[in-house]
Amino acid sequence: MSEDRGGGAELPGPVLLGDAEVREVLDVPCTVRAVRRALLEHHAGQLAAPPRLRAGLGGQELVFTAGRLAGEGLHGFRAYGIGGGDQLVAVWDTASGALLAVVHGAELGPRRTGAIGAVAVEALARPDAVRWGLIGTGPQAWAQLWALAAGPLRPEAVTVCGRRRDRAERFAARAGAEWGLPVRVAREVREAVSGQDVVIVATNSPRPVLEAGWVAPGTHLSTLGPKSPTRHEIPPELAARAAVIATDSPAQAGAYGTGHLLGPAPMTALGAILAGSAPGRTDADAITLFASVGLAGTEVAVAAELVGRYRGRG
């Protein structure tokens, strides 16, 4: 099956891909490249990325994010339910309306978020950042380390802390085996925060898991978990200490139903920092803060990259 793109060129029929193909094909460089390109296109007005939509389903919710990458001639959406489980990403060719691919499973979403986090760390952390702290041991924490371990700011030492020490020890052992990273398990959260160059917080905690005073000057901190005024994994006082507060999507940050803990007024778009239109870190002793909220359309960009590489392998 093939489709006519309008100019006579035929497109191959749609492909259905799952976690096995994502793990095999979607490596760190191509994922980070797709996300970086989408962030820059968003800043340039070439990525339409409205805030996510939530459909109430009698006590449950189905969440949709959608995006159109004008420069690549693609559009699509992601759908997922609250509480985990498989996600679905669909990608269309805009000119012909042909469906190019459907990607399902639990791997693409965290890898996309991990790549966004890696881009933020590269843009905002000190170039000599080698000591990293990681709070959380779930799939999102793993994806952050996955994206960063293969990047230019590869850490020399990682300290991880989780609610369950046995899970943190398995996390550390796996990271050491797969990437050769020296990862140690902290006895308490403060060990994973104090004196670190980069701190990544990836929890589901409704209460702060750290204190603002633990964060040393010069640290970059990324937060992935709850960030509403009533549920937040980091203390609001940390915003007052940060010289730069960035996010991948100010529109999404401003669309929180209960408001966003950090903004959106003082928040800078990560794409603007990447493009040089807004300042990032200007002082080695400054604290920088990145609030990851999930720029719509980045999952479409990553899925398109996956499909291109998958078809390129024949």
C-alpha atoms as a PDB file:
ATOM      1  CA  MET A   1       0.000   0.000   0.000  1.00  0.00           C
ATOM      2  CA  SER A   2       1.263   3.486  -0.860  1.00  0.00           C
ATOM      3  CA  GLU A   3      -0.029   7.035  -0.907  1.00  0.00           C
ATOM      4  CA  ASP A   4       0.428   9.904  -3.360  1.00  0.00           C
ATOM      5  CA  ARG A   5       2.107  12.923  -1.717  1.00  0.00           C
ATOM      6  CA  GLY A   6       0.569  15.288  -4.245  1.00  0.00           C
ATOM      7  CA  GLY A   7       3.683  15.830  -6.318  1.00  0.00           C
ATOM      8  CA  GLY A   8       3.699  12.344  -7.768  1.00  0.00           C
ATOM      9  CA  ALA A   9       6.004  10.785  -5.154  1.00  0.00           C
ATOM     10  CA  GLU A  10       4.588   7.778  -3.408  1.00  0.00           C
ATOM     11  CA  LEU A  11       4.843   7.201   0.310  1.00  0.00           C
ATOM     12  CA  PRO A  12       5.156   3.711   1.771  1.00  0.00           C
ATOM     13  CA  GLY A  13       2.249   2.425   3.798  1.00  0.00           C
ATOM     14  CA  PRO A  14       2.111   3.027   7.548  1.00  0.00           C
ATOM     15  CA  VAL A  15       4.223   0.970   9.917  1.00  0.00           C
ATOM     16  CA  LEU A  16       3.281  -0.277  13.374  1.00  0.00           C
ATOM     17  CA  LEU A  17       6.183  -0.167  15.814  1.00  0.00           C
ATOM     18  CA  GLY A  18       6.470  -1.155  19.461  1.00  0.00           C
ATOM     19  CA  ASP A  19       8.921  -1.191  22.332  1.00  0.00           C
ATOM     20  CA  ALA A  20      11.172  -3.769  20.674  1.00  0.00           C
ATOM     21  CA  GLU A  21      11.783  -1.491  17.693  1.00  0.00           C
ATOM     22  CA  VAL A  22      12.220   1.549  19.935  1.00  0.00           C
ATOM     23  CA  ARG A  23      14.900  -0.223  21.983  1.00  0.00           C
ATOM     24  CA  GLU A  24      16.658  -1.502  18.880  1.00  0.00           C
ATOM     25  CA  VAL A  25      16.587   1.619  16.715  1.00  0.00           C
ATOM     26  CA  LEU A  26      16.145   4.729  18.878  1.00  0.00           C
ATOM     27  CA  ASP A  27      19.576   5.501  20.299  1.00  0.00           C
ATOM     28  CA  VAL A  28      20.602   8.567  22.287  1.00  0.00           C
ATOM     29  CA  PRO A  29      22.145  10.697  19.491  1.00  0.00           C
ATOM     30  CA  CYS A  30      19.147  10.449  17.159  1.00  0.00           C
ATOM     31  CA  THR A  31      16.637  11.023  19.991  1.00  0.00           C
ATOM     32  CA  VAL A  32      18.477  14.083  21.301  1.00  0.00           C
ATOM     33  CA  ARG A  33      18.871  15.390  17.749  1.00  0.00           C
ATOM     34  CA  ALA A  34      15.115  15.097  17.087  1.00  0.00           C
ATOM     35  CA  VAL A  35      14.210  16.811  20.358  1.00  0.00           C
ATOM     36  CA  ARG A  36      16.727  19.625  19.904  1.00  0.00           C
ATOM     37  CA  ARG A  37      15.417  20.268  16.393  1.00  0.00           C
ATOM     38  CA  ALA A  38      11.827  20.364  17.667  1.00  0.00           C
ATOM     39  CA  LEU A  39      12.722  22.820  20.447  1.00  0.00           C
ATOM     40  CA  LEU A  40      14.406  25.133  17.957  1.00  0.00           C
ATOM     41  CA  GLU A  41      11.499  24.831  15.510  1.00  0.00           C
ATOM     42  CA  HIS A  42       9.101  25.686  18.319  1.00  0.00           C
ATOM     43  CA  HIS A  43      11.075  28.836  19.085  1.00  0.00           C
ATOM     44  CA  ALA A  44      11.087  29.740  15.364  1.00  0.00           C
ATOM     45  CA  GLY A  45       7.325  29.278  15.100  1.00  0.00           C
ATOM     46  CA  GLN A  46       7.639  26.149  12.964  1.00  0.00           C
ATOM     47  CA  LEU A  47       6.235  23.765  15.585  1.00  0.00           C
ATOM     48  CA  ALA A  48       2.592  24.168  16.557  1.00  0.00           C
ATOM     49  CA  ALA A  49       2.351  22.767  20.084  1.00  0.00           C
ATOM     50  CA  PRO A  50      -0.856  23.520  21.995  1.00  0.00           C
ATOM     51  CA  PRO A  51      -1.149  22.518  25.663  1.00  0.00           C
ATOM     52  CA  ARG A  52      -2.261  18.953  26.338  1.00  0.00           C
ATOM     53  CA  LEU A  53      -5.935  18.055  26.381  1.00  0.00           C
ATOM     54  CA  ARG A  54      -7.625  15.836  28.948  1.00  0.00           C
ATOM     55  CA  ALA A  55     -10.789  13.849  28.264  1.00  0.00           C
ATOM     56  CA  GLY A  56     -12.695  12.777  31.360  1.00  0.00           C
ATOM     57  CA  LEU A  57     -13.945   9.206  31.146  1.00  0.00           C
ATOM     58  CA  GLY A  58     -15.997   8.593  34.242  1.00  0.00           C
ATOM     59  CA  GLY A  59     -13.288   8.731  36.878  1.00  0.00           C
ATOM     60  CA  GLN A  60     -10.451   8.108  34.415  1.00  0.00           C
ATOM     61  CA  GLU A  61      -8.714  10.416  31.944  1.00  0.00           C
ATOM     62  CA  LEU A  62      -7.326  10.049  28.459  1.00  0.00           C
ATOM     63  CA  VAL A  63      -4.657  12.654  27.703  1.00  0.00           C
ATOM     64  CA  PHE A  64      -3.730  13.944  24.243  1.00  0.00           C
ATOM     65  CA  THR A  65      -0.803  16.020  23.031  1.00  0.00           C
ATOM     66  CA  ALA A  66      -0.537  17.092  19.413  1.00  0.00           C
ATOM     67  CA  GLY A  67       1.982  18.897  17.254  1.00  0.00           C
ATOM     68  CA  ARG A  68       2.687  19.950  13.701  1.00  0.00           C
ATOM     69  CA  LEU A  69       6.274  20.248  12.467  1.00  0.00           C
ATOM     70  CA  ALA A  70       5.855  22.586   9.521  1.00  0.00           C
ATOM     71  CA  GLY A  71       9.476  22.367   8.446  1.00  0.00           C
ATOM     72  CA  GLU A  72       9.296  18.582   8.187  1.00  0.00           C
ATOM     73  CA  GLY A  73       5.786  18.388   6.762  1.00  0.00           C
ATOM     74  CA  LEU A  74       4.548  16.191   9.598  1.00  0.00           C
ATOM     75  CA  HIS A  75       1.848  16.278  12.217  1.00  0.00           C
ATOM     76  CA  GLY A  76       0.537  13.849  14.790  1.00  0.00           C
ATOM     77  CA  PHE A  77      -0.570  13.183  18.326  1.00  0.00           C
ATOM     78  CA  ARG A  78       0.189  11.158  21.425  1.00  0.00           C
ATOM     79  CA  ALA A  79      -2.481   9.569  23.641  1.00  0.00           C
ATOM     80  CA  TYR A  80      -2.064   7.989  27.060  1.00  0.00           C
ATOM     81  CA  GLY A  81      -4.061   7.197  30.164  1.00  0.00           C
ATOM     82  CA  ILE A  82      -3.388   8.503  33.635  1.00  0.00           C
ATOM     83  CA  GLY A  83      -1.588   5.990  35.830  1.00  0.00           C
ATOM     84  CA  GLY A  84       0.897   4.468  33.408  1.00  0.00           C
ATOM     85  CA  GLY A  85       0.518   1.803  30.761  1.00  0.00           C
ATOM     86  CA  ASP A  86       1.088   1.972  27.034  1.00  0.00           C
ATOM     87  CA  GLN A  87       1.133   5.201  25.056  1.00  0.00           C
ATOM     88  CA  LEU A  88       0.257   5.645  21.393  1.00  0.00           C
ATOM     89  CA  VAL A  89       1.882   8.075  18.955  1.00  0.00           C
ATOM     90  CA  ALA A  90       0.546   8.541  15.419  1.00  0.00           C
ATOM     91  CA  VAL A  91       2.392  10.456  12.673  1.00  0.00           C
ATOM     92  CA  TRP A  92       0.920  11.793   9.416  1.00  0.00           C
ATOM     93  CA  ASP A  93       2.421  13.328   6.287  1.00  0.00           C
ATOM     94  CA  THR A  94       0.773  16.751   6.199  1.00  0.00           C
ATOM     95  CA  ALA A  95       0.810  17.287   2.437  1.00  0.00           C
ATOM     96  CA  SER A  96      -0.894  14.046   1.475  1.00  0.00           C
ATOM     97  CA  GLY A  97      -2.718  13.216   4.692  1.00  0.00           C
ATOM     98  CA  ALA A  98      -1.110   9.771   4.648  1.00  0.00           C
ATOM     99  CA  LEU A  99      -0.671   8.028   7.973  1.00  0.00           C
ATOM    100  CA  LEU A 100       3.036   7.175   8.227  1.00  0.00           C
ATOM    101  CA  ALA A 101       3.313   5.328  11.500  1.00  0.00           C
ATOM    102  CA  VAL A 102       1.800   4.287  14.788  1.00  0.00           C
ATOM    103  CA  VAL A 103       4.163   3.703  17.712  1.00  0.00           C
ATOM    104  CA  HIS A 104       2.808   2.028  20.840  1.00  0.00           C
ATOM    105  CA  GLY A 105       4.258   0.942  24.147  1.00  0.00           C
ATOM    106  CA  ALA A 106       6.043   2.375  27.166  1.00  0.00           C
ATOM    107  CA  GLU A 107       9.536   3.146  25.792  1.00  0.00           C
ATOM    108  CA  LEU A 108       9.209   6.122  23.441  1.00  0.00           C
ATOM    109  CA  GLY A 109       7.703   8.563  25.964  1.00  0.00           C
ATOM    110  CA  PRO A 110      10.396   8.305  28.654  1.00  0.00           C
ATOM    111  CA  ARG A 111      13.175   8.361  26.044  1.00  0.00           C
ATOM    112  CA  ARG A 112      11.769  11.564  24.571  1.00  0.00           C
ATOM    113  CA  THR A 113      11.581  13.108  28.061  1.00  0.00           C
ATOM    114  CA  GLY A 114      15.094  11.899  28.806  1.00  0.00           C
ATOM    115  CA  ALA A 115      16.362  13.561  25.641  1.00  0.00           C
ATOM    116  CA  ILE A 116      14.675  16.850  26.596  1.00  0.00           C
ATOM    117  CA  GLY A 117      16.392  16.615  29.970  1.00  0.00           C
ATOM    118  CA  ALA A 118      19.752  15.977  28.352  1.00  0.00           C
ATOM    119  CA  VAL A 119      19.364  19.023  26.115  1.00  0.00           C
ATOM    120  CA  ALA A 120      18.486  21.137  29.164  1.00  0.00           C
ATOM    121  CA  VAL A 121      21.523  19.934  31.116  1.00  0.00           C
ATOM    122  CA  GLU A 122      23.826  20.596  28.157  1.00  0.00           C
ATOM    123  CA  ALA A 123      22.369  24.106  27.805  1.00  0.00           C
ATOM    124  CA  LEU A 124      22.303  25.110  31.477  1.00  0.00           C
ATOM    125  CA  ALA A 125      24.840  23.125  33.504  1.00  0.00           C
ATOM    126  CA  ARG A 126      28.443  24.183  33.911  1.00  0.00           C
ATOM    127  CA  PRO A 127      30.735  22.668  31.256  1.00  0.00           C
ATOM    128  CA  ASP A 128      32.786  21.025  34.020  1.00  0.00           C
ATOM    129  CA  ALA A 129      29.766  19.376  35.664  1.00  0.00           C
ATOM    130  CA  VAL A 130      30.916  15.858  36.604  1.00  0.00           C
ATOM    131  CA  ARG A 131      29.127  15.074  39.902  1.00  0.00           C
ATOM    132  CA  TRP A 132      25.479  14.214  39.496  1.00  0.00           C
ATOM    133  CA  GLY A 133      22.700  13.442  41.929  1.00  0.00           C
ATOM    134  CA  LEU A 134      19.551  11.582  40.925  1.00  0.00           C
ATOM    135  CA  ILE A 135      16.429  11.374  43.081  1.00  0.00           C
ATOM    136  CA  GLY A 136      14.086   8.663  41.865  1.00  0.00           C
ATOM    137  CA  THR A 137      14.587   5.190  40.431  1.00  0.00           C
ATOM    138  CA  GLY A 138      11.620   4.779  38.084  1.00  0.00           C
ATOM    139  CA  PRO A 139      11.439   4.732  34.262  1.00  0.00           C
ATOM    140  CA  GLN A 140      11.724   8.524  33.972  1.00  0.00           C
ATOM    141  CA  ALA A 141      14.831   8.645  36.162  1.00  0.00           C
ATOM    142  CA  TRP A 142      16.344   5.822  34.128  1.00  0.00           C
ATOM    143  CA  ALA A 143      15.614   7.609  30.842  1.00  0.00           C
ATOM    144  CA  GLN A 144      17.307  10.790  32.099  1.00  0.00           C
ATOM    145  CA  LEU A 145      20.466   8.865  32.891  1.00  0.00           C
ATOM    146  CA  TRP A 146      20.188   6.933  29.593  1.00  0.00           C
ATOM    147  CA  ALA A 147      20.210  10.186  27.610  1.00  0.00           C
ATOM    148  CA  LEU A 148      22.936  11.840  29.657  1.00  0.00           C
ATOM    149  CA  ALA A 149      25.303   8.870  29.910  1.00  0.00           C
ATOM    150  CA  ALA A 150      25.947   8.997  26.151  1.00  0.00           C
ATOM    151  CA  GLY A 151      26.169  12.785  25.937  1.00  0.00           C
ATOM    152  CA  PRO A 152      29.056  15.247  26.016  1.00  0.00           C
ATOM    153  CA  LEU A 153      28.612  15.906  29.756  1.00  0.00           C
ATOM    154  CA  ARG A 154      29.045  12.285  30.810  1.00  0.00           C
ATOM    155  CA  PRO A 155      29.285  12.205  34.617  1.00  0.00           C
ATOM    156  CA  GLU A 156      32.287  10.927  36.515  1.00  0.00           C
ATOM    157  CA  ALA A 157      30.227  10.069  39.595  1.00  0.00           C
ATOM    158  CA  VAL A 158      26.481   9.589  40.131  1.00  0.00           C
ATOM    159  CA  THR A 159      24.683   9.392  43.462  1.00  0.00           C
ATOM    160  CA  VAL A 160      21.165   7.971  43.387  1.00  0.00           C
ATOM    161  CA  CYS A 161      18.499   7.968  46.084  1.00  0.00           C
ATOM    162  CA  GLY A 162      15.057   6.360  46.086  1.00  0.00           C
ATOM    163  CA  ARG A 163      12.319   5.468  48.529  1.00  0.00           C
ATOM    164  CA  ARG A 164      13.382   1.822  48.484  1.00  0.00           C
ATOM    165  CA  ARG A 165      17.061   1.087  48.914  1.00  0.00           C
ATOM    166  CA  ASP A 166      16.840  -2.318  47.229  1.00  0.00           C
ATOM    167  CA  ARG A 167      15.403  -0.741  44.101  1.00  0.00           C
ATOM    168  CA  ALA A 168      18.069   1.983  44.153  1.00  0.00           C
ATOM    169  CA  GLU A 169      20.785  -0.670  44.420  1.00  0.00           C
ATOM    170  CA  ARG A 170      19.386  -2.521  41.395  1.00  0.00           C
ATOM    171  CA  PHE A 171      19.225   0.787  39.523  1.00  0.00           C
ATOM    172  CA  ALA A 172      22.864   1.541  40.348  1.00  0.00           C
ATOM    173  CA  ALA A 173      24.032  -1.952  39.406  1.00  0.00           C
ATOM    174  CA  ARG A 174      22.231  -1.805  36.066  1.00  0.00           C
ATOM    175  CA  ALA A 175      23.664   1.631  35.240  1.00  0.00           C
ATOM    176  CA  GLY A 176      27.140   0.388  36.009  1.00  0.00           C
ATOM    177  CA  ALA A 177      26.706  -2.738  33.914  1.00  0.00           C
ATOM    178  CA  GLU A 178      25.152  -1.049  30.874  1.00  0.00           C
ATOM    179  CA  TRP A 179      27.092   2.222  30.739  1.00  0.00           C
ATOM    180  CA  GLY A 180      30.118   1.727  32.981  1.00  0.00           C
ATOM    181  CA  LEU A 181      28.990   4.575  35.229  1.00  0.00           C
ATOM    182  CA  PRO A 182      30.205   4.745  38.823  1.00  0.00           C
ATOM    183  CA  VAL A 183      26.863   4.952  40.638  1.00  0.00           C
ATOM    184  CA  ARG A 184      26.540   4.782  44.400  1.00  0.00           C
ATOM    185  CA  VAL A 185      23.385   4.648  46.501  1.00  0.00           C
ATOM    186  CA  ALA A 186      22.808   7.442  49.005  1.00  0.00           C
ATOM    187  CA  ARG A 187      21.501   6.756  52.477  1.00  0.00           C
ATOM    188  CA  GLU A 188      19.375   9.909  52.366  1.00  0.00           C
ATOM    189  CA  VAL A 189      18.279  12.489  49.803  1.00  0.00           C
ATOM    190  CA  ARG A 190      20.628  15.159  51.105  1.00  0.00           C
ATOM    191  CA  GLU A 191      23.614  13.062  49.980  1.00  0.00           C
ATOM    192  CA  ALA A 192      22.267  13.079  46.416  1.00  0.00           C
ATOM    193  CA  VAL A 193      21.833  16.873  46.428  1.00  0.00           C
ATOM    194  CA  SER A 194      24.599  18.495  48.471  1.00  0.00           C
ATOM    195  CA  GLY A 195      27.775  19.292  46.562  1.00  0.00           C
ATOM    196  CA  GLN A 196      26.487  18.023  43.219  1.00  0.00           C
ATOM    197  CA  ASP A 197      26.965  19.814  39.901  1.00  0.00           C
ATOM    198  CA  VAL A 198      23.718  18.460  38.427  1.00  0.00           C
ATOM    199  CA  VAL A 199      20.655  17.270  40.359  1.00  0.00           C
ATOM    200  CA  ILE A 200      17.733  15.537  38.651  1.00  0.00           C
ATOM    201  CA  VAL A 201      14.501  15.053  40.584  1.00  0.00           C
ATOM    202  CA  ALA A 202      12.172  12.470  39.022  1.00  0.00           C
ATOM    203  CA  THR A 203       9.592  11.410  41.587  1.00  0.00           C
ATOM    204  CA  ASN A 204       5.824  11.317  42.050  1.00  0.00           C
ATOM    205  CA  SER A 205       6.048  12.911  45.477  1.00  0.00           C
ATOM    206  CA  PRO A 206       3.335  15.464  46.355  1.00  0.00           C
ATOM    207  CA  ARG A 207       5.681  17.010  48.945  1.00  0.00           C
ATOM    208  CA  PRO A 208       9.198  18.419  48.522  1.00  0.00           C
ATOM    209  CA  VAL A 209      11.836  15.701  48.710  1.00  0.00           C
ATOM    210  CA  LEU A 210      14.681  18.169  49.278  1.00  0.00           C
ATOM    211  CA  GLU A 211      15.380  21.510  50.914  1.00  0.00           C
ATOM    212  CA  ALA A 212      16.371  24.590  48.924  1.00  0.00           C
ATOM    213  CA  GLY A 213      19.400  25.172  51.158  1.00  0.00           C
ATOM    214  CA  TRP A 214      20.904  21.818  50.165  1.00  0.00           C
ATOM    215  CA  VAL A 215      21.474  22.990  46.591  1.00  0.00           C
ATOM    216  CA  ALA A 216      25.003  24.365  46.233  1.00  0.00           C
ATOM    217  CA  PRO A 217      25.918  27.450  44.184  1.00  0.00           C
ATOM    218  CA  GLY A 218      26.642  26.509  40.580  1.00  0.00           C
ATOM    219  CA  THR A 219      24.238  23.567  40.567  1.00  0.00           C
ATOM    220  CA  HIS A 220      21.834  22.843  37.752  1.00  0.00           C
ATOM    221  CA  LEU A 221      18.605  21.172  38.889  1.00  0.00           C
ATOM    222  CA  SER A 222      15.956  19.555  36.680  1.00  0.00           C
ATOM    223  CA  THR A 223      12.519  18.677  38.030  1.00  0.00           C
ATOM    224  CA  LEU A 224      10.236  16.184  36.264  1.00  0.00           C
ATOM    225  CA  GLY A 225       7.576  15.373  38.845  1.00  0.00           C
ATOM    226  CA  PRO A 226       4.593  17.259  40.327  1.00  0.00           C
ATOM    227  CA  LYS A 227       4.934  21.043  40.158  1.00  0.00           C
ATOM    228  CA  SER A 228       1.533  22.475  41.142  1.00  0.00           C
ATOM    229  CA  PRO A 229       1.009  24.752  44.174  1.00  0.00           C
ATOM    230  CA  THR A 230      -0.642  21.900  46.075  1.00  0.00           C
ATOM    231  CA  ARG A 231       1.587  19.024  44.880  1.00  0.00           C
ATOM    232  CA  HIS A 232       5.283  19.628  44.220  1.00  0.00           C
ATOM    233  CA  GLU A 233       8.462  17.561  44.522  1.00  0.00           C
ATOM    234  CA  ILE A 234      10.746  20.596  44.945  1.00  0.00           C
ATOM    235  CA  PRO A 235      10.363  23.484  47.420  1.00  0.00           C
ATOM    236  CA  PRO A 236       9.050  26.769  45.997  1.00  0.00           C
ATOM    237  CA  GLU A 237      11.919  28.568  47.779  1.00  0.00           C
ATOM    238  CA  LEU A 238      14.277  27.076  45.216  1.00  0.00           C
ATOM    239  CA  ALA A 239      12.847  29.372  42.542  1.00  0.00           C
ATOM    240  CA  ALA A 240      14.033  32.406  44.499  1.00  0.00           C
ATOM    241  CA  ARG A 241      17.598  31.051  44.465  1.00  0.00           C
ATOM    242  CA  ALA A 242      17.637  30.288  40.737  1.00  0.00           C
ATOM    243  CA  ALA A 243      19.202  32.781  38.342  1.00  0.00           C
ATOM    244  CA  VAL A 244      17.490  31.092  35.377  1.00  0.00           C
ATOM    245  CA  ILE A 245      14.237  29.116  35.334  1.00  0.00           C
ATOM    246  CA  ALA A 246      13.662  27.387  32.013  1.00  0.00           C
ATOM    247  CA  THR A 247      11.015  25.060  30.635  1.00  0.00           C
ATOM    248  CA  ASP A 248      10.476  23.233  27.374  1.00  0.00           C
ATOM    249  CA  SER A 249       6.963  24.681  26.991  1.00  0.00           C
ATOM    250  CA  PRO A 250       5.871  27.930  28.678  1.00  0.00           C
ATOM    251  CA  ALA A 251       2.388  27.420  27.194  1.00  0.00           C
ATOM    252  CA  GLN A 252       2.057  24.036  28.869  1.00  0.00           C
ATOM    253  CA  ALA A 253       3.450  25.411  32.125  1.00  0.00           C
ATOM    254  CA  GLY A 254       0.802  28.131  31.997  1.00  0.00           C
ATOM    255  CA  ALA A 255      -2.003  25.658  31.318  1.00  0.00           C
ATOM    256  CA  TYR A 256      -1.795  23.666  34.545  1.00  0.00           C
ATOM    257  CA  GLY A 257      -5.343  23.343  35.823  1.00  0.00           C
ATOM    258  CA  THR A 258      -4.255  24.298  39.331  1.00  0.00           C
ATOM    259  CA  GLY A 259      -1.456  26.643  38.285  1.00  0.00           C
ATOM    260  CA  HIS A 260       2.253  25.933  37.979  1.00  0.00           C
ATOM    261  CA  LEU A 261       4.494  26.166  41.011  1.00  0.00           C
ATOM    262  CA  LEU A 262       7.135  28.198  39.154  1.00  0.00           C
ATOM    263  CA  GLY A 263       5.344  30.366  36.662  1.00  0.00           C
ATOM    264  CA  PRO A 264       4.838  30.810  33.873  1.00  0.00           C
ATOM    265  CA  ALA A 265       5.869  34.486  34.167  1.00  0.00           C
ATOM    266  CA  PRO A 266       9.567  34.018  35.136  1.00  0.00           C
ATOM    267  CA  MET A 267      10.122  30.977  32.915  1.00  0.00           C
ATOM    268  CA  THR A 268      12.303  31.042  29.797  1.00  0.00           C
ATOM    269  CA  ALA A 269      11.704  28.722  26.846  1.00  0.00           C
ATOM    270  CA  LEU A 270      14.526  26.223  26.439  1.00  0.00           C
ATOM    271  CA  GLY A 271      14.320  26.703  22.673  1.00  0.00           C
ATOM    272  CA  ALA A 272      15.065  30.406  23.082  1.00  0.00           C
ATOM    273  CA  ILE A 273      18.185  29.575  25.103  1.00  0.00           C
ATOM    274  CA  LEU A 274      19.306  27.059  22.461  1.00  0.00           C
ATOM    275  CA  ALA A 275      18.779  29.645  19.718  1.00  0.00           C
ATOM    276  CA  GLY A 276      20.730  32.309  21.617  1.00  0.00           C
ATOM    277  CA  SER A 277      17.671  34.558  21.889  1.00  0.00           C
ATOM    278  CA  ALA A 278      17.600  34.350  25.683  1.00  0.00           C
ATOM    279  CA  PRO A 279      20.441  34.045  28.179  1.00  0.00           C
ATOM    280  CA  GLY A 280      21.153  30.782  29.910  1.00  0.00           C
ATOM    281  CA  ARG A 281      23.876  30.359  32.504  1.00  0.00           C
ATOM    282  CA  THR A 282      25.999  33.487  32.785  1.00  0.00           C
ATOM    283  CA  ASP A 283      27.779  32.768  36.072  1.00  0.00           C
ATOM    284  CA  ALA A 284      29.581  29.639  37.240  1.00  0.00           C
ATOM    285  CA  ASP A 285      28.079  30.074  40.719  1.00  0.00           C
ATOM    286  CA  ALA A 286      24.522  30.565  39.511  1.00  0.00           C
ATOM    287  CA  ILE A 287      21.812  28.009  40.217  1.00  0.00           C
ATOM    288  CA  THR A 288      19.819  27.077  37.125  1.00  0.00           C
ATOM    289  CA  LEU A 289      16.469  25.303  37.203  1.00  0.00           C
ATOM    290  CA  PHE A 290      14.700  23.384  34.440  1.00  0.00           C
ATOM    291  CA  ALA A 291      11.027  22.466  34.790  1.00  0.00           C
ATOM    292  CA  SER A 292      10.219  19.666  32.365  1.00  0.00           C
ATOM    293  CA  VAL A 293       6.542  19.771  31.343  1.00  0.00           C
ATOM    294  CA  GLY A 294       6.570  17.970  27.975  1.00  0.00           C
ATOM    295  CA  LEU A 295       6.571  20.117  24.842  1.00  0.00           C
ATOM    296  CA  ALA A 296       3.816  18.783  22.589  1.00  0.00           C
ATOM    297  CA  GLY A 297       5.101  17.658  19.208  1.00  0.00           C
ATOM    298  CA  THR A 298       8.446  16.410  20.506  1.00  0.00           C
ATOM    299  CA  GLU A 299       7.021  12.903  20.668  1.00  0.00           C
ATOM    300  CA  VAL A 300       5.948  13.262  17.011  1.00  0.00           C
ATOM    301  CA  ALA A 301       9.471  14.394  16.100  1.00  0.00           C
ATOM    302  CA  VAL A 302      11.016  11.423  17.934  1.00  0.00           C
ATOM    303  CA  ALA A 303       8.550   8.982  16.380  1.00  0.00           C
ATOM    304  CA  ALA A 304       9.350  10.373  12.919  1.00  0.00           C
ATOM    305  CA  GLU A 305      13.072   9.915  13.606  1.00  0.00           C
ATOM    306  CA  LEU A 306      12.371   6.339  14.699  1.00  0.00           C
ATOM    307  CA  VAL A 307      10.387   5.595  11.529  1.00  0.00           C
ATOM    308  CA  GLY A 308      13.068   7.074   9.271  1.00  0.00           C
ATOM    309  CA  ARG A 309      15.814   5.020  10.886  1.00  0.00           C
ATOM    310  CA  TYR A 310      13.660   1.890  10.940  1.00  0.00           C
ATOM    311  CA  ARG A 311      12.910   2.162   7.223  1.00  0.00           C
ATOM    312  CA  GLY A 312      16.527   3.013   6.514  1.00  0.00           C
ATOM    313  CA  ARG A 313      17.494  -0.360   7.937  1.00  0.00           C
ATOM    314  CA  GLY A 314      15.269  -2.000   5.337  1.00  0.00           C
END
